[in-house]
Amino acid sequence: MAFGRSRRKRSAHWYHPDTMQCMAMTLRLTDEEQQALRERAAAEGISMQDAARRAIRDYVARSEHRARVAAAVDLIAKVHADAIDRLGR
């Protein structure tokens, strides 16, 4: 019985411990997208999964940056509305 418990504890993280803590999802790609991903991943020496995860992180970072820039533009436009209006005349 003790063997069974220790075996379960050891086997809990036997495969990709970082993946076990993440949520799994299915990504459906066209044949062309899959081929492009396969080629890009091979060129970089990484797995297709790592390439896709990197692309997602880059997409999220760019989107967050655009949102921060848009918010800064809105703030500057409000704060300096009079000066902007005078310059536009």
C-alpha atoms as a PDB file:
ATOM      1  CA  MET A   1       0.000   0.000   0.000  1.00  0.00           C
ATOM      2  CA  ALA A   2       2.798   2.416   0.833  1.00  0.00           C
ATOM      3  CA  PHE A   3       4.355   1.631  -2.549  1.00  0.00           C
ATOM      4  CA  GLY A   4       1.143   2.629  -4.354  1.00  0.00           C
ATOM      5  CA  ARG A   5       0.912   5.979  -2.584  1.00  0.00           C
ATOM      6  CA  SER A   6       4.530   6.924  -3.240  1.00  0.00           C
ATOM      7  CA  ARG A   7       4.204   5.810  -6.848  1.00  0.00           C
ATOM      8  CA  ARG A   8       1.196   8.081  -7.358  1.00  0.00           C
ATOM      9  CA  LYS A   9       3.069  11.008  -5.853  1.00  0.00           C
ATOM     10  CA  ARG A  10       6.089  10.433  -8.083  1.00  0.00           C
ATOM     11  CA  SER A  11       4.038   9.922 -11.248  1.00  0.00           C
ATOM     12  CA  ALA A  12       1.994  13.104 -10.819  1.00  0.00           C
ATOM     13  CA  HIS A  13       4.598  15.157 -12.685  1.00  0.00           C
ATOM     14  CA  TRP A  14       6.309  12.614 -14.884  1.00  0.00           C
ATOM     15  CA  TYR A  15       5.505  14.425 -18.140  1.00  0.00           C
ATOM     16  CA  HIS A  16       5.967  18.136 -18.869  1.00  0.00           C
ATOM     17  CA  PRO A  17       5.296  19.582 -15.406  1.00  0.00           C
ATOM     18  CA  ASP A  18       4.778  23.065 -16.892  1.00  0.00           C
ATOM     19  CA  THR A  19       1.999  21.735 -19.126  1.00  0.00           C
ATOM     20  CA  MET A  20       0.212  20.016 -16.254  1.00  0.00           C
ATOM     21  CA  GLN A  21      -0.416  23.395 -14.613  1.00  0.00           C
ATOM     22  CA  CYS A  22      -1.822  24.972 -17.793  1.00  0.00           C
ATOM     23  CA  MET A  23      -5.163  24.705 -19.476  1.00  0.00           C
ATOM     24  CA  ALA A  24      -5.250  22.576 -22.603  1.00  0.00           C
ATOM     25  CA  MET A  25      -6.941  23.790 -25.747  1.00  0.00           C
ATOM     26  CA  THR A  26      -7.365  22.614 -29.300  1.00  0.00           C
ATOM     27  CA  LEU A  27      -6.085  24.959 -31.980  1.00  0.00           C
ATOM     28  CA  ARG A  28      -7.524  24.301 -35.403  1.00  0.00           C
ATOM     29  CA  LEU A  29      -5.288  25.461 -38.231  1.00  0.00           C
ATOM     30  CA  THR A  30      -5.668  25.357 -41.978  1.00  0.00           C
ATOM     31  CA  ASP A  31      -3.199  23.157 -43.830  1.00  0.00           C
ATOM     32  CA  GLU A  32      -1.327  26.285 -44.910  1.00  0.00           C
ATOM     33  CA  GLU A  33      -1.164  27.666 -41.361  1.00  0.00           C
ATOM     34  CA  GLN A  34       0.029  24.347 -39.988  1.00  0.00           C
ATOM     35  CA  GLN A  35       2.728  24.062 -42.649  1.00  0.00           C
ATOM     36  CA  ALA A  36       3.886  27.653 -42.024  1.00  0.00           C
ATOM     37  CA  LEU A  37       3.993  27.004 -38.266  1.00  0.00           C
ATOM     38  CA  ARG A  38       5.901  23.748 -38.769  1.00  0.00           C
ATOM     39  CA  GLU A  39       8.470  25.456 -41.018  1.00  0.00           C
ATOM     40  CA  ARG A  40       8.904  28.472 -38.716  1.00  0.00           C
ATOM     41  CA  ALA A  41       9.286  26.266 -35.633  1.00  0.00           C
ATOM     42  CA  ALA A  42      11.827  24.060 -37.411  1.00  0.00           C
ATOM     43  CA  ALA A  43      13.806  27.116 -38.551  1.00  0.00           C
ATOM     44  CA  GLU A  44      13.964  28.336 -34.942  1.00  0.00           C
ATOM     45  CA  GLY A  45      14.688  24.886 -33.523  1.00  0.00           C
ATOM     46  CA  ILE A  46      11.597  24.847 -31.313  1.00  0.00           C
ATOM     47  CA  SER A  47       8.410  22.804 -31.165  1.00  0.00           C
ATOM     48  CA  MET A  48       5.254  23.902 -32.943  1.00  0.00           C
ATOM     49  CA  GLN A  49       3.647  24.288 -29.515  1.00  0.00           C
ATOM     50  CA  ASP A  50       6.416  26.618 -28.333  1.00  0.00           C
ATOM     51  CA  ALA A  51       6.159  28.629 -31.557  1.00  0.00           C
ATOM     52  CA  ALA A  52       2.384  28.978 -31.141  1.00  0.00           C
ATOM     53  CA  ARG A  53       2.720  29.952 -27.468  1.00  0.00           C
ATOM     54  CA  ARG A  54       5.365  32.545 -28.391  1.00  0.00           C
ATOM     55  CA  ALA A  55       3.063  33.968 -31.079  1.00  0.00           C
ATOM     56  CA  ILE A  56       0.217  34.231 -28.573  1.00  0.00           C
ATOM     57  CA  ARG A  57       2.426  36.016 -26.023  1.00  0.00           C
ATOM     58  CA  ASP A  58       3.615  38.449 -28.719  1.00  0.00           C
ATOM     59  CA  TYR A  59       0.027  39.094 -29.854  1.00  0.00           C
ATOM     60  CA  VAL A  60      -1.140  39.792 -26.301  1.00  0.00           C
ATOM     61  CA  ALA A  61       1.836  42.086 -25.585  1.00  0.00           C
ATOM     62  CA  ARG A  62       1.246  44.075 -28.803  1.00  0.00           C
ATOM     63  CA  SER A  63      -2.473  44.384 -28.071  1.00  0.00           C
ATOM     64  CA  GLU A  64      -1.799  45.581 -24.523  1.00  0.00           C
ATOM     65  CA  HIS A  65       0.755  48.100 -25.833  1.00  0.00           C
ATOM     66  CA  ARG A  66      -1.746  49.452 -28.380  1.00  0.00           C
ATOM     67  CA  ALA A  67      -4.349  49.826 -25.626  1.00  0.00           C
ATOM     68  CA  ARG A  68      -1.881  51.757 -23.412  1.00  0.00           C
ATOM     69  CA  VAL A  69      -0.894  54.037 -26.305  1.00  0.00           C
ATOM     70  CA  ALA A  70      -4.556  54.691 -27.162  1.00  0.00           C
ATOM     71  CA  ALA A  71      -5.302  55.548 -23.517  1.00  0.00           C
ATOM     72  CA  ALA A  72      -2.298  57.922 -23.415  1.00  0.00           C
ATOM     73  CA  VAL A  73      -3.446  59.622 -26.631  1.00  0.00           C
ATOM     74  CA  ASP A  74      -6.943  60.087 -25.191  1.00  0.00           C
ATOM     75  CA  LEU A  75      -5.519  61.563 -21.979  1.00  0.00           C
ATOM     76  CA  ILE A  76      -3.207  63.953 -23.817  1.00  0.00           C
ATOM     77  CA  ALA A  77      -6.041  65.007 -26.135  1.00  0.00           C
ATOM     78  CA  LYS A  78      -8.237  65.821 -23.115  1.00  0.00           C
ATOM     79  CA  VAL A  79      -5.535  67.579 -21.105  1.00  0.00           C
ATOM     80  CA  HIS A  80      -4.327  69.663 -24.042  1.00  0.00           C
ATOM     81  CA  ALA A  81      -7.640  70.089 -25.899  1.00  0.00           C
ATOM     82  CA  ASP A  82      -7.426  73.907 -25.847  1.00  0.00           C
ATOM     83  CA  ALA A  83      -3.903  74.003 -27.232  1.00  0.00           C
ATOM     84  CA  ILE A  84      -4.725  71.408 -29.874  1.00  0.00           C
ATOM     85  CA  ASP A  85      -7.800  73.400 -30.874  1.00  0.00           C
ATOM     86  CA  ARG A  86      -5.758  76.638 -31.149  1.00  0.00           C
ATOM     87  CA  LEU A  87      -3.110  74.917 -33.249  1.00  0.00           C
ATOM     88  CA  GLY A  88      -5.800  73.594 -35.577  1.00  0.00           C
ATOM     89  CA  ARG A  89      -7.110  77.051 -36.454  1.00  0.00           C
END
